[in-house]
N, C-alpha and C. Protein backbone atom coordinates (compact mmCIF):
# COMPACT_ATOMS: atom_id res chain seq x y z
N UNK A 1 38.47 76.90 93.56
CA UNK A 1 39.27 77.36 92.46
C UNK A 1 38.34 77.67 91.30
N UNK A 2 38.42 78.84 90.78
CA UNK A 2 37.59 79.22 89.65
C UNK A 2 38.28 78.83 88.36
N UNK A 3 37.55 78.91 87.24
CA UNK A 3 38.12 78.57 85.95
C UNK A 3 39.35 79.39 85.62
N UNK A 4 39.34 80.67 86.02
CA UNK A 4 40.49 81.52 85.71
C UNK A 4 41.69 81.24 86.62
N UNK A 5 41.45 80.59 87.78
CA UNK A 5 42.53 80.26 88.69
C UNK A 5 43.14 78.90 88.40
N UNK A 6 42.51 78.18 87.52
CA UNK A 6 42.92 76.81 87.24
C UNK A 6 44.29 76.78 86.56
N UNK A 7 45.12 75.86 86.99
CA UNK A 7 46.44 75.69 86.39
C UNK A 7 46.31 74.79 85.17
N UNK A 8 46.82 75.23 84.04
CA UNK A 8 46.79 74.42 82.82
C UNK A 8 47.88 73.37 82.90
N UNK A 9 47.58 72.21 82.39
CA UNK A 9 48.53 71.11 82.33
C UNK A 9 48.76 70.78 80.85
N UNK A 10 49.85 71.29 80.27
CA UNK A 10 50.11 71.03 78.86
C UNK A 10 50.15 69.53 78.59
N UNK A 11 49.56 69.14 77.50
CA UNK A 11 49.48 67.73 77.16
C UNK A 11 48.23 67.09 77.71
N UNK A 12 47.63 67.73 78.71
CA UNK A 12 46.37 67.24 79.28
C UNK A 12 45.25 68.19 78.89
N UNK A 13 45.44 69.47 79.17
CA UNK A 13 44.43 70.48 78.90
C UNK A 13 44.56 71.07 77.51
N UNK A 14 45.59 70.74 76.83
CA UNK A 14 45.84 71.25 75.49
C UNK A 14 47.08 70.59 74.93
N UNK A 15 47.48 71.00 73.74
CA UNK A 15 48.65 70.36 73.15
C UNK A 15 49.91 70.60 73.96
N UNK A 16 50.76 69.61 73.97
CA UNK A 16 52.05 69.78 74.63
C UNK A 16 52.86 70.79 73.84
N UNK A 17 53.48 71.69 74.54
CA UNK A 17 54.27 72.72 73.88
C UNK A 17 55.71 72.63 74.32
N UNK A 18 56.43 73.68 74.04
CA UNK A 18 57.86 73.72 74.35
C UNK A 18 58.12 73.65 75.85
N UNK A 19 57.13 74.02 76.67
CA UNK A 19 57.33 74.02 78.11
C UNK A 19 57.10 72.65 78.75
N UNK A 20 56.72 71.65 77.97
CA UNK A 20 56.52 70.31 78.49
C UNK A 20 57.83 69.54 78.33
N UNK A 21 58.34 68.94 79.41
CA UNK A 21 59.58 68.18 79.29
C UNK A 21 59.42 67.04 78.30
N UNK A 22 60.20 67.06 77.25
CA UNK A 22 60.10 66.03 76.23
C UNK A 22 61.36 65.19 76.13
N UNK A 23 62.39 65.51 76.90
CA UNK A 23 63.60 64.72 76.82
C UNK A 23 63.35 63.36 77.44
N UNK A 24 63.98 62.33 76.90
CA UNK A 24 63.79 61.02 77.51
C UNK A 24 64.10 60.99 79.00
N UNK A 25 65.14 61.70 79.42
CA UNK A 25 65.50 61.69 80.85
C UNK A 25 64.36 62.23 81.70
N UNK A 26 63.73 63.31 81.27
CA UNK A 26 62.61 63.88 82.03
C UNK A 26 61.41 62.95 82.04
N UNK A 27 61.14 62.35 80.89
CA UNK A 27 60.00 61.44 80.80
C UNK A 27 60.23 60.18 81.62
N UNK A 28 61.46 59.68 81.61
CA UNK A 28 61.79 58.50 82.43
C UNK A 28 61.59 58.82 83.90
N UNK A 29 62.06 59.99 84.32
CA UNK A 29 61.90 60.38 85.73
C UNK A 29 60.43 60.43 86.11
N UNK A 30 59.62 61.05 85.25
CA UNK A 30 58.18 61.16 85.54
C UNK A 30 57.50 59.80 85.52
N UNK A 31 57.84 58.96 84.55
CA UNK A 31 57.24 57.61 84.47
C UNK A 31 57.61 56.80 85.70
N UNK A 32 58.86 56.91 86.14
CA UNK A 32 59.28 56.19 87.34
C UNK A 32 58.54 56.69 88.58
N UNK A 33 58.26 57.98 88.65
CA UNK A 33 57.49 58.51 89.78
C UNK A 33 56.08 57.95 89.79
N UNK A 34 55.47 57.89 88.62
CA UNK A 34 54.11 57.33 88.52
C UNK A 34 54.13 55.87 88.96
N UNK A 35 55.11 55.13 88.46
CA UNK A 35 55.22 53.71 88.81
C UNK A 35 55.45 53.53 90.31
N UNK A 36 56.26 54.38 90.90
CA UNK A 36 56.54 54.24 92.34
C UNK A 36 55.29 54.52 93.18
N UNK A 37 54.40 55.37 92.67
CA UNK A 37 53.15 55.64 93.39
C UNK A 37 52.22 54.43 93.41
N UNK A 38 52.41 53.52 92.47
CA UNK A 38 51.56 52.33 92.40
C UNK A 38 52.27 51.09 92.90
N UNK A 39 53.53 51.20 93.26
CA UNK A 39 54.36 50.04 93.59
C UNK A 39 53.89 49.26 94.81
N UNK A 40 53.07 49.85 95.65
CA UNK A 40 52.58 49.15 96.83
C UNK A 40 51.48 48.14 96.48
N UNK A 41 51.00 48.19 95.26
CA UNK A 41 49.96 47.27 94.79
C UNK A 41 50.61 46.02 94.22
N UNK A 42 49.83 44.95 94.01
CA UNK A 42 50.39 43.80 93.29
C UNK A 42 50.94 44.27 91.94
N UNK A 43 51.97 43.59 91.46
CA UNK A 43 52.70 44.05 90.28
C UNK A 43 51.78 44.33 89.09
N UNK A 44 50.89 43.40 88.75
CA UNK A 44 50.04 43.59 87.58
C UNK A 44 49.10 44.78 87.76
N UNK A 45 48.65 45.02 88.97
CA UNK A 45 47.78 46.17 89.25
C UNK A 45 48.60 47.46 89.13
N UNK A 46 49.82 47.44 89.63
CA UNK A 46 50.69 48.61 89.54
C UNK A 46 50.96 48.96 88.07
N UNK A 47 51.21 47.96 87.26
CA UNK A 47 51.44 48.20 85.83
C UNK A 47 50.19 48.79 85.19
N UNK A 48 49.03 48.21 85.48
CA UNK A 48 47.79 48.70 84.87
C UNK A 48 47.47 50.13 85.32
N UNK A 49 47.71 50.44 86.57
CA UNK A 49 47.47 51.82 87.05
C UNK A 49 48.40 52.80 86.35
N UNK A 50 49.64 52.38 86.12
CA UNK A 50 50.60 53.23 85.42
C UNK A 50 50.17 53.41 83.97
N UNK A 51 49.75 52.33 83.32
CA UNK A 51 49.24 52.42 81.95
C UNK A 51 48.07 53.40 81.88
N UNK A 52 47.14 53.26 82.80
CA UNK A 52 45.96 54.13 82.82
C UNK A 52 46.38 55.59 82.95
N UNK A 53 47.30 55.86 83.85
CA UNK A 53 47.76 57.24 84.03
C UNK A 53 48.40 57.78 82.75
N UNK A 54 49.26 56.99 82.15
CA UNK A 54 49.94 57.44 80.93
C UNK A 54 48.94 57.69 79.79
N UNK A 55 47.94 56.85 79.68
CA UNK A 55 46.93 57.03 78.63
C UNK A 55 46.05 58.25 78.88
N UNK A 56 45.69 58.45 80.13
CA UNK A 56 44.74 59.52 80.44
C UNK A 56 45.38 60.91 80.54
N UNK A 57 46.63 60.97 80.98
CA UNK A 57 47.21 62.26 81.31
C UNK A 57 48.43 62.67 80.48
N UNK A 58 48.98 61.79 79.71
CA UNK A 58 50.16 62.12 78.93
C UNK A 58 49.78 62.37 77.49
N UNK A 59 50.39 63.37 76.91
CA UNK A 59 50.20 63.68 75.49
C UNK A 59 50.78 62.52 74.67
N UNK A 60 50.15 62.19 73.54
CA UNK A 60 50.67 61.09 72.71
C UNK A 60 52.15 61.24 72.36
N UNK A 61 52.62 62.44 72.15
CA UNK A 61 54.04 62.61 71.80
C UNK A 61 54.95 62.18 72.95
N UNK A 62 54.49 62.36 74.17
CA UNK A 62 55.27 61.94 75.33
C UNK A 62 55.33 60.42 75.39
N UNK A 63 54.19 59.78 75.15
CA UNK A 63 54.15 58.31 75.14
C UNK A 63 55.02 57.75 74.01
N UNK A 64 54.95 58.37 72.85
CA UNK A 64 55.75 57.90 71.70
C UNK A 64 57.24 58.04 71.98
N UNK A 65 57.64 59.11 72.63
CA UNK A 65 59.04 59.29 72.98
C UNK A 65 59.51 58.18 73.90
N UNK A 66 58.69 57.82 74.88
CA UNK A 66 59.07 56.75 75.80
C UNK A 66 59.05 55.38 75.13
N UNK A 67 58.12 55.15 74.23
CA UNK A 67 58.12 53.88 73.49
C UNK A 67 59.41 53.73 72.69
N UNK A 68 59.84 54.79 72.04
CA UNK A 68 61.10 54.75 71.29
C UNK A 68 62.28 54.54 72.24
N UNK A 69 62.20 55.15 73.43
CA UNK A 69 63.26 54.98 74.42
C UNK A 69 63.35 53.53 74.88
N UNK A 70 62.21 52.89 75.11
CA UNK A 70 62.20 51.48 75.50
C UNK A 70 62.78 50.63 74.37
N UNK A 71 62.42 50.96 73.13
CA UNK A 71 62.96 50.22 71.99
C UNK A 71 64.48 50.33 71.91
N UNK A 72 65.02 51.42 72.43
CA UNK A 72 66.46 51.63 72.43
C UNK A 72 67.15 51.07 73.67
N UNK A 73 66.43 50.36 74.50
CA UNK A 73 67.01 49.74 75.69
C UNK A 73 66.33 50.14 76.98
N UNK A 74 65.80 51.35 77.05
CA UNK A 74 65.03 51.77 78.22
C UNK A 74 65.81 51.88 79.51
N UNK A 75 67.10 52.22 79.41
CA UNK A 75 67.94 52.30 80.60
C UNK A 75 67.35 53.26 81.64
N UNK A 76 67.34 52.81 82.89
CA UNK A 76 66.90 53.65 84.00
C UNK A 76 65.42 53.57 84.31
N UNK A 77 64.67 52.85 83.50
CA UNK A 77 63.23 52.73 83.77
C UNK A 77 62.96 51.68 84.84
N UNK A 78 62.10 52.02 85.77
CA UNK A 78 61.59 51.08 86.75
C UNK A 78 60.88 49.96 85.99
N UNK A 79 60.98 48.71 86.45
CA UNK A 79 60.30 47.61 85.74
C UNK A 79 58.79 47.83 85.55
N UNK A 80 58.14 48.43 86.54
CA UNK A 80 56.70 48.72 86.40
C UNK A 80 56.49 49.71 85.26
N UNK A 81 57.29 50.76 85.24
CA UNK A 81 57.17 51.76 84.18
C UNK A 81 57.47 51.15 82.82
N UNK A 82 58.51 50.35 82.73
CA UNK A 82 58.88 49.72 81.46
C UNK A 82 57.74 48.85 80.95
N UNK A 83 57.17 48.02 81.82
CA UNK A 83 56.07 47.15 81.39
C UNK A 83 54.84 47.96 81.02
N UNK A 84 54.58 49.04 81.72
CA UNK A 84 53.44 49.90 81.40
C UNK A 84 53.63 50.55 80.04
N UNK A 85 54.80 51.05 79.79
CA UNK A 85 55.07 51.70 78.51
C UNK A 85 54.96 50.69 77.37
N UNK A 86 55.49 49.50 77.57
CA UNK A 86 55.37 48.46 76.56
C UNK A 86 53.92 48.10 76.30
N UNK A 87 53.09 48.13 77.34
CA UNK A 87 51.67 47.81 77.21
C UNK A 87 50.90 48.87 76.42
N UNK A 88 51.49 50.04 76.21
CA UNK A 88 50.82 51.09 75.47
C UNK A 88 50.74 50.78 73.97
N UNK A 89 51.48 49.83 73.51
CA UNK A 89 51.49 49.50 72.06
C UNK A 89 50.16 49.03 71.60
């Protein structure tokens, strides 16, 4: 894949824009998917892997939206995702 063929990842390769899902429902779905990918590991390792992913690949505005969502109850979040998001503080 050449530089011109590379797919841009908003929030990773540049600022998150209007095309990045910012609704809590979309972010919850994505956070739960990340958590499920690590769920086969011991719980604390799964949480840390999820934290690492969120820190490295998510735009700060996405993390802030989820932190506010957790503060409001965090309905629908996988426990691994919830603990990872809380650890971002």
